[in-house]
PDB file of all heavy atoms in Angstrom:
ATOM      1  N   VAL A   1     -68.322 -82.551-108.567  1.00  0.00           N
ATOM      2  CA  VAL A   1     -68.211 -81.313-109.408  1.00  0.00           C
ATOM      3  C   VAL A   1     -67.406 -80.263-108.735  1.00  0.00           C
ATOM      4  O   VAL A   1     -67.872 -79.809-107.626  1.00  0.00           O
ATOM      5  CB  VAL A   1     -69.650 -80.818-109.788  1.00  0.00           C
ATOM      6  CG1 VAL A   1     -69.561 -79.481-110.559  1.00  0.00           C
ATOM      7  CG2 VAL A   1     -70.378 -81.817-110.615  1.00  0.00           C
ATOM      8  N   PRO A   2     -66.338 -79.756-109.313  1.00  0.00           N
ATOM      9  CA  PRO A   2     -65.581 -78.724-108.646  1.00  0.00           C
ATOM     10  C   PRO A   2     -66.153 -77.353-108.897  1.00  0.00           C
ATOM     11  O   PRO A   2     -66.337 -76.983-110.017  1.00  0.00           O
ATOM     12  CB  PRO A   2     -64.224 -78.888-109.255  1.00  0.00           C
ATOM     13  CG  PRO A   2     -64.452 -79.413-110.659  1.00  0.00           C
ATOM     14  CD  PRO A   2     -65.721 -80.237-110.574  1.00  0.00           C
ATOM     15  N   VAL A   3     -66.404 -76.579-107.856  1.00  0.00           N
ATOM     16  CA  VAL A   3     -67.129 -75.352-107.926  1.00  0.00           C
ATOM     17  C   VAL A   3     -66.222 -74.185-107.584  1.00  0.00           C
ATOM     18  O   VAL A   3     -66.091 -73.217-108.305  1.00  0.00           O
ATOM     19  CB  VAL A   3     -68.390 -75.334-107.052  1.00  0.00           C
ATOM     20  CG1 VAL A   3     -69.054 -73.930-107.141  1.00  0.00           C
ATOM     21  CG2 VAL A   3     -69.357 -76.375-107.530  1.00  0.00           C
ATOM     22  N   THR A   4     -65.551 -74.226-106.424  1.00  0.00           N
ATOM     23  CA  THR A   4     -64.642 -73.172-106.056  1.00  0.00           C
ATOM     24  C   THR A   4     -63.340 -73.184-106.949  1.00  0.00           C
ATOM     25  O   THR A   4     -63.056 -74.267-107.500  1.00  0.00           O
ATOM     26  CB  THR A   4     -64.210 -73.205-104.607  1.00  0.00           C
ATOM     27  OG1 THR A   4     -63.414 -74.382-104.358  1.00  0.00           O
ATOM     28  CG2 THR A   4     -65.469 -73.314-103.702  1.00  0.00           C
ATOM     29  N   VAL A   5     -62.610 -72.118-106.962  1.00  0.00           N
ATOM     30  CA  VAL A   5     -61.412 -72.096-107.821  1.00  0.00           C
ATOM     31  C   VAL A   5     -60.479 -73.140-107.227  1.00  0.00           C
ATOM     32  O   VAL A   5     -59.826 -73.864-108.101  1.00  0.00           O
ATOM     33  CB  VAL A   5     -60.766 -70.703-107.775  1.00  0.00           C
ATOM     34  CG1 VAL A   5     -59.387 -70.707-108.368  1.00  0.00           C
ATOM     35  CG2 VAL A   5     -61.682 -69.742-108.539  1.00  0.00           C
ATOM     36  N   SER A   6     -60.302 -73.250-105.931  1.00  0.00           N
ATOM     37  CA  SER A   6     -59.356 -74.263-105.387  1.00  0.00           C
ATOM     38  C   SER A   6     -59.778 -75.631-105.765  1.00  0.00           C
ATOM     39  O   SER A   6     -58.912 -76.564-106.076  1.00  0.00           O
ATOM     40  CB  SER A   6     -59.198 -74.143-103.878  1.00  0.00           C
ATOM     41  OG  SER A   6     -60.416 -74.274-103.177  1.00  0.00           O
ATOM     42  N   GLU A   7     -61.040 -75.968-105.764  1.00  0.00           N
ATOM     43  CA  GLU A   7     -61.551 -77.302-106.140  1.00  0.00           C
ATOM     44  C   GLU A   7     -61.212 -77.558-107.616  1.00  0.00           C
ATOM     45  O   GLU A   7     -60.918 -78.705-108.015  1.00  0.00           O
ATOM     46  CB  GLU A   7     -63.047 -77.442-105.881  1.00  0.00           C
ATOM     47  CG  GLU A   7     -63.401 -77.507-104.392  1.00  0.00           C
ATOM     48  CD  GLU A   7     -64.938 -77.406-104.202  1.00  0.00           C
ATOM     49  OE1 GLU A   7     -65.654 -76.999-105.156  1.00  0.00           O
ATOM     50  OE2 GLU A   7     -65.410 -77.759-103.108  1.00  0.00           O
ATOM     51  N   GLN A   8     -61.472 -76.520-108.388  1.00  0.00           N
ATOM     52  CA  GLN A   8     -61.195 -76.686-109.848  1.00  0.00           C
ATOM     53  C   GLN A   8     -59.759 -76.918-110.209  1.00  0.00           C
ATOM     54  O   GLN A   8     -59.420 -77.743-111.035  1.00  0.00           O
ATOM     55  CB  GLN A   8     -61.654 -75.385-110.539  1.00  0.00           C
ATOM     56  CG  GLN A   8     -63.242 -75.248-110.639  1.00  0.00           C
ATOM     57  CD  GLN A   8     -63.601 -73.910-111.231  1.00  0.00           C
ATOM     58  OE1 GLN A   8     -63.167 -72.860-110.806  1.00  0.00           O
ATOM     59  NE2 GLN A   8     -64.428 -73.988-112.238  1.00  0.00           N
ATOM     60  N   ILE A   9     -58.847 -76.199-109.465  1.00  0.00           N
ATOM     61  CA  ILE A   9     -57.416 -76.451-109.707  1.00  0.00           C
ATOM     62  C   ILE A   9     -57.030 -77.821-109.388  1.00  0.00           C
ATOM     63  O   ILE A   9     -56.286 -78.541-110.056  1.00  0.00           O
ATOM     64  CB  ILE A   9     -56.612 -75.419-108.915  1.00  0.00           C
ATOM     65  CG1 ILE A   9     -56.827 -73.966-109.499  1.00  0.00           C
ATOM     66  CG2 ILE A   9     -55.104 -75.767-108.951  1.00  0.00           C
ATOM     67  CD1 ILE A   9     -56.331 -72.838-108.601  1.00  0.00           C
ATOM     68  N   GLU A  10     -57.538 -78.318-108.191  1.00  0.00           N
ATOM     69  CA  GLU A  10     -57.242 -79.654-107.793  1.00  0.00           C
ATOM     70  C   GLU A  10     -57.736 -80.712-108.730  1.00  0.00           C
ATOM     71  O   GLU A  10     -57.020 -81.678-109.102  1.00  0.00           O
ATOM     72  CB  GLU A  10     -57.808 -79.949-106.390  1.00  0.00           C
ATOM     73  CG  GLU A  10     -57.504 -81.295-105.816  1.00  0.00           C
ATOM     74  CD  GLU A  10     -58.056 -81.498-104.406  1.00  0.00           C
ATOM     75  OE1 GLU A  10     -58.695 -80.542-103.880  1.00  0.00           O
ATOM     76  OE2 GLU A  10     -57.918 -82.567-103.804  1.00  0.00           O
ATOM     77  N   SER A  11     -58.958 -80.525-109.247  1.00  0.00           N
ATOM     78  CA  SER A  11     -59.551 -81.504-110.142  1.00  0.00           C
ATOM     79  C   SER A  11     -58.856 -81.408-111.502  1.00  0.00           C
ATOM     80  O   SER A  11     -58.663 -82.483-112.098  1.00  0.00           O
ATOM     81  CB  SER A  11     -61.107 -81.127-110.282  1.00  0.00           C
ATOM     82  OG  SER A  11     -61.698 -82.150-111.135  1.00  0.00           O
ATOM     83  N   THR A  12     -58.504 -80.212-111.890  1.00  0.00           N
ATOM     84  CA  THR A  12     -57.733 -80.128-113.191  1.00  0.00           C
ATOM     85  C   THR A  12     -56.391 -80.844-113.076  1.00  0.00           C
ATOM     86  O   THR A  12     -55.927 -81.511-114.014  1.00  0.00           O
ATOM     87  CB  THR A  12     -57.553 -78.645-113.556  1.00  0.00           C
ATOM     88  OG1 THR A  12     -58.830 -77.996-113.712  1.00  0.00           O
ATOM     89  CG2 THR A  12     -56.786 -78.456-114.851  1.00  0.00           C
ATOM     90  N   HIS A  13     -55.705 -80.638-111.989  1.00  0.00           N
ATOM     91  CA  HIS A  13     -54.361 -81.306-111.735  1.00  0.00           C
ATOM     92  C   HIS A  13     -54.518 -82.844-111.853  1.00  0.00           C
ATOM     93  O   HIS A  13     -53.723 -83.457-112.507  1.00  0.00           O
ATOM     94  CB  HIS A  13     -53.827 -80.940-110.442  1.00  0.00           C
ATOM     95  CG  HIS A  13     -52.481 -81.595-110.207  1.00  0.00           C
ATOM     96  ND1 HIS A  13     -52.299 -82.607-109.386  1.00  0.00           N
ATOM     97  CD2 HIS A  13     -51.230 -81.223-110.673  1.00  0.00           C
ATOM     98  CE1 HIS A  13     -51.031 -83.019-109.336  1.00  0.00           C
ATOM     99  NE2 HIS A  13     -50.329 -82.189-110.120  1.00  0.00           N
ATOM    100  N   ALA A  14     -55.605 -83.368-111.267  1.00  0.00           N
ATOM    101  CA  ALA A  14     -55.740 -84.811-111.281  1.00  0.00           C
ATOM    102  C   ALA A  14     -56.052 -85.290-112.801  1.00  0.00           C
ATOM    103  O   ALA A  14     -55.683 -86.343-113.256  1.00  0.00           O
ATOM    104  CB  ALA A  14     -56.835 -85.258-110.386  1.00  0.00           C
ATOM    105  N   SER A  15     -56.859 -84.452-113.505  1.00  0.00           N
ATOM    106  CA  SER A  15     -57.126 -84.738-114.853  1.00  0.00           C
ATOM    107  C   SER A  15     -55.938 -84.644-115.758  1.00  0.00           C
ATOM    108  O   SER A  15     -55.712 -85.461-116.705  1.00  0.00           O
ATOM    109  CB  SER A  15     -58.225 -83.752-115.402  1.00  0.00           C
ATOM    110  OG  SER A  15     -59.387 -83.884-114.661  1.00  0.00           O
ATOM    111  N   PHE A  16     -55.045 -83.716-115.473  1.00  0.00           N
ATOM    112  CA  PHE A  16     -53.733 -83.541-116.186  1.00  0.00           C
ATOM    113  C   PHE A  16     -52.903 -84.746-115.982  1.00  0.00           C
ATOM    114  O   PHE A  16     -52.364 -85.278-116.926  1.00  0.00           O
ATOM    115  CB  PHE A  16     -53.120 -82.288-115.724  1.00  0.00           C
ATOM    116  CG  PHE A  16     -51.819 -81.917-116.347  1.00  0.00           C
ATOM    117  CD1 PHE A  16     -51.703 -81.807-117.737  1.00  0.00           C
ATOM    118  CD2 PHE A  16     -50.632 -81.584-115.583  1.00  0.00           C
ATOM    119  CE1 PHE A  16     -50.488 -81.396-118.352  1.00  0.00           C
ATOM    120  CE2 PHE A  16     -49.504 -81.234-116.199  1.00  0.00           C
ATOM    121  CZ  PHE A  16     -49.403 -81.183-117.538  1.00  0.00           C
ATOM    122  N   GLU A  17     -52.789 -85.230-114.741  1.00  0.00           N
ATOM    123  CA  GLU A  17     -52.024 -86.305-114.423  1.00  0.00           C
ATOM    124  C   GLU A  17     -52.565 -87.636-115.126  1.00  0.00           C
ATOM    125  O   GLU A  17     -51.890 -88.567-115.518  1.00  0.00           O
ATOM    126  CB  GLU A  17     -51.975 -86.588-112.911  1.00  0.00           C
ATOM    127  CG  GLU A  17     -51.203 -85.536-112.174  1.00  0.00           C
ATOM    128  CD  GLU A  17     -49.717 -85.634-112.423  1.00  0.00           C
ATOM    129  OE1 GLU A  17     -49.149 -86.678-112.382  1.00  0.00           O
ATOM    130  OE2 GLU A  17     -49.145 -84.570-112.736  1.00  0.00           O
ATOM    131  N   ALA A  18     -53.920 -87.662-115.300  1.00  0.00           N
ATOM    132  CA  ALA A  18     -54.564 -88.804-115.964  1.00  0.00           C
ATOM    133  C   ALA A  18     -54.334 -88.857-117.465  1.00  0.00           C
ATOM    134  O   ALA A  18     -54.567 -89.852-118.119  1.00  0.00           O
ATOM    135  CB  ALA A  18     -56.043 -88.866-115.585  1.00  0.00           C
ATOM    136  N   GLY A  19     -54.099 -87.673-118.034  1.00  0.00           N
ATOM    137  CA  GLY A  19     -53.854 -87.631-119.465  1.00  0.00           C
ATOM    138  C   GLY A  19     -54.492 -86.507-120.270  1.00  0.00           C
ATOM    139  O   GLY A  19     -54.295 -86.422-121.474  1.00  0.00           O
ATOM    140  N   ALA A  20     -55.206 -85.615-119.587  1.00  0.00           N
ATOM    141  CA  ALA A  20     -55.798 -84.487-120.333  1.00  0.00           C
ATOM    142  C   ALA A  20     -54.696 -83.424-120.582  1.00  0.00           C
ATOM    143  O   ALA A  20     -53.907 -83.141-119.682  1.00  0.00           O
ATOM    144  CB  ALA A  20     -56.908 -83.855-119.443  1.00  0.00           C
ATOM    145  N   SER A  21     -54.727 -82.852-121.772  1.00  0.00           N
ATOM    146  CA  SER A  21     -53.786 -81.784-122.103  1.00  0.00           C
ATOM    147  C   SER A  21     -54.469 -80.406-122.217  1.00  0.00           C
ATOM    148  O   SER A  21     -53.809 -79.408-122.425  1.00  0.00           O
ATOM    149  CB  SER A  21     -52.949 -82.074-123.365  1.00  0.00           C
ATOM    150  OG  SER A  21     -53.845 -82.509-124.372  1.00  0.00           O
ATOM    151  N   ILE A  22     -55.787 -80.327-122.283  1.00  0.00           N
ATOM    152  CA  ILE A  22     -56.594 -79.150-122.353  1.00  0.00           C
ATOM    153  C   ILE A  22     -57.550 -79.057-121.131  1.00  0.00           C
ATOM    154  O   ILE A  22     -58.173 -80.048-120.862  1.00  0.00           O
ATOM    155  CB  ILE A  22     -57.458 -78.980-123.622  1.00  0.00           C
ATOM    156  CG1 ILE A  22     -56.500 -79.037-124.866  1.00  0.00           C
ATOM    157  CG2 ILE A  22     -58.223 -77.621-123.561  1.00  0.00           C
ATOM    158  CD1 ILE A  22     -57.328 -78.928-126.194  1.00  0.00           C
ATOM    159  N   ALA A  23     -57.595 -77.924-120.479  1.00  0.00           N
ATOM    160  CA  ALA A  23     -58.609 -77.687-119.436  1.00  0.00           C
ATOM    161  C   ALA A  23     -59.597 -76.610-119.938  1.00  0.00           C
ATOM    162  O   ALA A  23     -59.184 -75.559-120.188  1.00  0.00           O
ATOM    163  CB  ALA A  23     -57.946 -77.169-118.142  1.00  0.00           C
ATOM    164  N   HIS A  24     -60.849 -77.073-120.133  1.00  0.00           N
ATOM    165  CA  HIS A  24     -61.885 -76.203-120.610  1.00  0.00           C
ATOM    166  C   HIS A  24     -62.605 -75.713-119.286  1.00  0.00           C
ATOM    167  O   HIS A  24     -63.128 -76.400-118.449  1.00  0.00           O
ATOM    168  CB  HIS A  24     -62.920 -76.895-121.404  1.00  0.00           C
ATOM    169  CG  HIS A  24     -64.066 -76.087-121.810  1.00  0.00           C
ATOM    170  ND1 HIS A  24     -63.962 -75.084-122.801  1.00  0.00           N
ATOM    171  CD2 HIS A  24     -65.362 -76.061-121.348  1.00  0.00           C
ATOM    172  CE1 HIS A  24     -65.163 -74.499-122.878  1.00  0.00           C
ATOM    173  NE2 HIS A  24     -65.995 -75.066-122.013  1.00  0.00           N
ATOM    174  N   CYS A  25     -62.545 -74.340-119.129  1.00  0.00           N
ATOM    175  CA  CYS A  25     -62.826 -73.760-117.815  1.00  0.00           C
ATOM    176  C   CYS A  25     -64.008 -72.845-117.772  1.00  0.00           C
ATOM    177  O   CYS A  25     -64.099 -71.927-118.697  1.00  0.00           O
ATOM    178  CB  CYS A  25     -61.630 -72.964-117.327  1.00  0.00           C
ATOM    179  SG  CYS A  25     -60.053 -73.911-117.246  1.00  0.00           S
ATOM    180  N   HIS A  26     -64.865 -72.950-116.892  1.00  0.00           N
ATOM    181  CA  HIS A  26     -65.920 -72.038-116.458  1.00  0.00           C
ATOM    182  C   HIS A  26     -65.588 -71.566-114.993  1.00  0.00           C
ATOM    183  O   HIS A  26     -64.925 -72.317-114.308  1.00  0.00           O
ATOM    184  CB  HIS A  26     -67.289 -72.596-116.516  1.00  0.00           C
ATOM    185  CG  HIS A  26     -67.776 -72.928-117.886  1.00  0.00           C
ATOM    186  ND1 HIS A  26     -68.836 -72.355-118.495  1.00  0.00           N
ATOM    187  CD2 HIS A  26     -67.355 -73.933-118.793  1.00  0.00           C
ATOM    188  CE1 HIS A  26     -69.014 -72.841-119.684  1.00  0.00           C
ATOM    189  NE2 HIS A  26     -68.179 -73.926-119.891  1.00  0.00           N
ATOM    190  N   VAL A  27     -66.230 -70.555-114.552  1.00  0.00           N
ATOM    191  CA  VAL A  27     -66.026 -70.228-113.068  1.00  0.00           C
ATOM    192  C   VAL A  27     -67.410 -69.936-112.556  1.00  0.00           C
ATOM    193  O   VAL A  27     -68.424 -69.641-113.257  1.00  0.00           O
ATOM    194  CB  VAL A  27     -65.138 -68.975-112.896  1.00  0.00           C
ATOM    195  CG1 VAL A  27     -63.681 -69.326-113.197  1.00  0.00           C
ATOM    196  CG2 VAL A  27     -65.538 -67.800-113.720  1.00  0.00           C
ATOM    197  N   ARG A  28     -67.523 -70.071-111.234  1.00  0.00           N
ATOM    198  CA  ARG A  28     -68.734 -69.809-110.509  1.00  0.00           C
ATOM    199  C   ARG A  28     -68.576 -68.674-109.437  1.00  0.00           C
ATOM    200  O   ARG A  28     -67.487 -68.505-108.937  1.00  0.00           O
ATOM    201  CB  ARG A  28     -69.216 -71.094-109.782  1.00  0.00           C
ATOM    202  CG  ARG A  28     -69.352 -72.330-110.628  1.00  0.00           C
ATOM    203  CD  ARG A  28     -70.571 -72.354-111.488  1.00  0.00           C
ATOM    204  NE  ARG A  28     -70.741 -73.561-112.240  1.00  0.00           N
ATOM    205  CZ  ARG A  28     -71.323 -74.646-111.923  1.00  0.00           C
ATOM    206  NH1 ARG A  28     -71.994 -74.700-110.672  1.00  0.00           N
ATOM    207  NH2 ARG A  28     -71.421 -75.783-112.650  1.00  0.00           N
ATOM    208  N   ASP A  29     -69.671 -68.024-109.149  1.00  0.00           N
ATOM    209  CA  ASP A  29     -69.628 -66.969-108.075  1.00  0.00           C
ATOM    210  C   ASP A  29     -69.794 -67.696-106.651  1.00  0.00           C
ATOM    211  O   ASP A  29     -69.774 -68.831-106.572  1.00  0.00           O
ATOM    212  CB  ASP A  29     -70.697 -65.940-108.306  1.00  0.00           C
ATOM    213  CG  ASP A  29     -72.083 -66.384-108.184  1.00  0.00           C
ATOM    214  OD1 ASP A  29     -72.358 -67.525-107.689  1.00  0.00           O
ATOM    215  OD2 ASP A  29     -73.040 -65.692-108.690  1.00  0.00           O
ATOM    216  N   GLU A  30     -69.809 -66.774-105.616  1.00  0.00           N
ATOM    217  CA  GLU A  30     -69.913 -67.276-104.280  1.00  0.00           C
ATOM    218  C   GLU A  30     -71.148 -68.175-104.026  1.00  0.00           C
ATOM    219  O   GLU A  30     -71.091 -69.061-103.234  1.00  0.00           O
ATOM    220  CB  GLU A  30     -69.897 -66.130-103.282  1.00  0.00           C
ATOM    221  CG  GLU A  30     -68.595 -65.310-103.196  1.00  0.00           C
ATOM    222  CD  GLU A  30     -67.472 -66.250-102.668  1.00  0.00           C
ATOM    223  OE1 GLU A  30     -67.691 -67.240-101.959  1.00  0.00           O
ATOM    224  OE2 GLU A  30     -66.252 -65.918-102.993  1.00  0.00           O
ATOM    225  N   ALA A  31     -72.184 -67.930-104.748  1.00  0.00           N
ATOM    226  CA  ALA A  31     -73.450 -68.742-104.626  1.00  0.00           C
ATOM    227  C   ALA A  31     -73.389 -69.972-105.526  1.00  0.00           C
ATOM    228  O   ALA A  31     -74.408 -70.713-105.562  1.00  0.00           O
ATOM    229  CB  ALA A  31     -74.610 -67.894-104.993  1.00  0.00           C
ATOM    230  N   GLY A  32     -72.328 -70.184-106.248  1.00  0.00           N
ATOM    231  CA  GLY A  32     -72.187 -71.364-107.107  1.00  0.00           C
ATOM    232  C   GLY A  32     -72.771 -71.203-108.492  1.00  0.00           C
ATOM    233  O   GLY A  32     -72.953 -72.168-109.251  1.00  0.00           O
ATOM    234  N   LYS A  33     -73.187 -69.919-108.799  1.00  0.00           N
ATOM    235  CA  LYS A  33     -73.856 -69.671-110.085  1.00  0.00           C
ATOM    236  C   LYS A  33     -72.732 -69.320-111.131  1.00  0.00           C
ATOM    237  O   LYS A  33     -71.705 -68.740-110.773  1.00  0.00           O
ATOM    238  CB  LYS A  33     -74.814 -68.480-109.918  1.00  0.00           C
ATOM    239  CG  LYS A  33     -75.883 -68.679-108.919  1.00  0.00           C
ATOM    240  CD  LYS A  33     -76.826 -69.862-109.301  1.00  0.00           C
ATOM    241  CE  LYS A  33     -77.960 -70.017-108.319  1.00  0.00           C
ATOM    242  NZ  LYS A  33     -78.842 -71.211-108.619  1.00  0.00           N
ATOM    243  N   PRO A  34     -73.040 -69.561-112.420  1.00  0.00           N
ATOM    244  CA  PRO A  34     -72.086 -69.282-113.446  1.00  0.00           C
ATOM    245  C   PRO A  34     -71.836 -67.774-113.564  1.00  0.00           C
ATOM    246  O   PRO A  34     -72.715 -66.966-113.445  1.00  0.00           O
ATOM    247  CB  PRO A  34     -72.640 -69.873-114.800  1.00  0.00           C
ATOM    248  CG  PRO A  34     -74.091 -70.062-114.488  1.00  0.00           C
ATOM    249  CD  PRO A  34     -74.212 -70.301-112.954  1.00  0.00           C
ATOM    250  N   THR A  35     -70.578 -67.434-113.850  1.00  0.00           N
ATOM    251  CA  THR A  35     -70.232 -66.012-114.024  1.00  0.00           C
ATOM    252  C   THR A  35     -69.058 -65.906-114.996  1.00  0.00           C
ATOM    253  O   THR A  35     -68.383 -66.869-115.269  1.00  0.00           O
ATOM    254  CB  THR A  35     -69.748 -65.383-112.652  1.00  0.00           C
ATOM    255  OG1 THR A  35     -69.289 -64.019-112.795  1.00  0.00           O
ATOM    256  CG2 THR A  35     -68.595 -66.147-112.034  1.00  0.00           C
ATOM    257  N   SER A  36     -68.910 -64.697-115.588  1.00  0.00           N
ATOM    258  CA  SER A  36     -67.798 -64.444-116.484  1.00  0.00           C
ATOM    259  C   SER A  36     -66.747 -63.579-115.715  1.00  0.00           C
ATOM    260  O   SER A  36     -65.892 -62.965-116.457  1.00  0.00           O
ATOM    261  CB  SER A  36     -68.254 -63.716-117.754  1.00  0.00           C
ATOM    262  OG  SER A  36     -69.034 -64.514-118.518  1.00  0.00           O
ATOM    263  N   ASP A  37     -66.770 -63.476-114.449  1.00  0.00           N
ATOM    264  CA  ASP A  37     -65.803 -62.672-113.678  1.00  0.00           C
ATOM    265  C   ASP A  37     -64.358 -62.817-114.009  1.00  0.00           C
ATOM    266  O   ASP A  37     -63.806 -63.850-113.748  1.00  0.00           O
ATOM    267  CB  ASP A  37     -66.075 -62.955-112.179  1.00  0.00           C
ATOM    268  CG  ASP A  37     -65.244 -62.158-111.270  1.00  0.00           C
ATOM    269  OD1 ASP A  37     -64.494 -61.245-111.726  1.00  0.00           O
ATOM    270  OD2 ASP A  37     -65.302 -62.343-110.023  1.00  0.00           O
ATOM    271  N   PRO A  38     -63.744 -61.815-114.643  1.00  0.00           N
ATOM    272  CA  PRO A  38     -62.347 -61.982-115.010  1.00  0.00           C
ATOM    273  C   PRO A  38     -61.411 -62.275-113.874  1.00  0.00           C
ATOM    274  O   PRO A  38     -60.391 -63.037-114.069  1.00  0.00           O
ATOM    275  CB  PRO A  38     -61.991 -60.646-115.668  1.00  0.00           C
ATOM    276  CG  PRO A  38     -63.260 -60.051-116.085  1.00  0.00           C
ATOM    277  CD  PRO A  38     -64.286 -60.506-115.016  1.00  0.00           C
ATOM    278  N   GLU A  39     -61.737 -61.783-112.651  1.00  0.00           N
ATOM    279  CA  GLU A  39     -60.852 -62.039-111.539  1.00  0.00           C
ATOM    280  C   GLU A  39     -60.911 -63.496-111.166  1.00  0.00           C
ATOM    281  O   GLU A  39     -59.796 -64.089-110.871  1.00  0.00           O
ATOM    282  CB  GLU A  39     -61.270 -61.151-110.425  1.00  0.00           C
ATOM    283  CG  GLU A  39     -60.333 -61.164-109.172  1.00  0.00           C
ATOM    284  CD  GLU A  39     -60.554 -62.369-108.247  1.00  0.00           C
ATOM    285  OE1 GLU A  39     -61.715 -62.848-108.125  1.00  0.00           O
ATOM    286  OE2 GLU A  39     -59.560 -62.774-107.579  1.00  0.00           O
ATOM    287  N   ARG A  40     -61.920 -64.110-111.198  1.00  0.00           N
ATOM    288  CA  ARG A  40     -62.033 -65.563-110.867  1.00  0.00           C
ATOM    289  C   ARG A  40     -61.355 -66.373-111.988  1.00  0.00           C
ATOM    290  O   ARG A  40     -60.584 -67.355-111.681  1.00  0.00           O
ATOM    291  CB  ARG A  40     -63.483 -66.034-110.713  1.00  0.00           C
ATOM    292  CG  ARG A  40     -64.166 -65.487-109.463  1.00  0.00           C
ATOM    293  CD  ARG A  40     -65.621 -65.942-109.325  1.00  0.00           C
ATOM    294  NE  ARG A  40     -66.165 -65.284-108.162  1.00  0.00           N
ATOM    295  CZ  ARG A  40     -66.154 -65.798-106.930  1.00  0.00           C
ATOM    296  NH1 ARG A  40     -65.600 -66.998-106.699  1.00  0.00           N
ATOM    297  NH2 ARG A  40     -66.707 -65.149-105.927  1.00  0.00           N
ATOM    298  N   PHE A  41     -61.561 -65.985-113.241  1.00  0.00           N
ATOM    299  CA  PHE A  41     -60.855 -66.668-114.233  1.00  0.00           C
ATOM    300  C   PHE A  41     -59.308 -66.425-114.175  1.00  0.00           C
ATOM    301  O   PHE A  41     -58.563 -67.445-114.405  1.00  0.00           O
ATOM    302  CB  PHE A  41     -61.269 -66.086-115.689  1.00  0.00           C
ATOM    303  CG  PHE A  41     -62.431 -66.877-116.235  1.00  0.00           C
ATOM    304  CD1 PHE A  41     -63.631 -66.169-116.524  1.00  0.00           C
ATOM    305  CD2 PHE A  41     -62.360 -68.151-116.614  1.00  0.00           C
ATOM    306  CE1 PHE A  41     -64.708 -66.830-117.085  1.00  0.00           C
ATOM    307  CE2 PHE A  41     -63.433 -68.879-117.185  1.00  0.00           C
ATOM    308  CZ  PHE A  41     -64.633 -68.142-117.442  1.00  0.00           C
ATOM    309  N   ALA A  42     -58.928 -65.307-113.734  1.00  0.00           N
ATOM    310  CA  ALA A  42     -57.443 -65.068-113.560  1.00  0.00           C
ATOM    311  C   ALA A  42     -56.859 -66.000-112.536  1.00  0.00           C
ATOM    312  O   ALA A  42     -55.812 -66.517-112.648  1.00  0.00           O
ATOM    313  CB  ALA A  42     -57.183 -63.651-113.182  1.00  0.00           C
TER     314      ALA A  42
END
């Protein structure tokens, strides 16, 4: 499960290469908890 932004980008890239054309995205805070933080989404 990709939690940090860098992990999410890497996992999304592999999914894109496999055939996904949409990435549905959530973000997590430093503790790994869900957040709506616009900076992390950006």
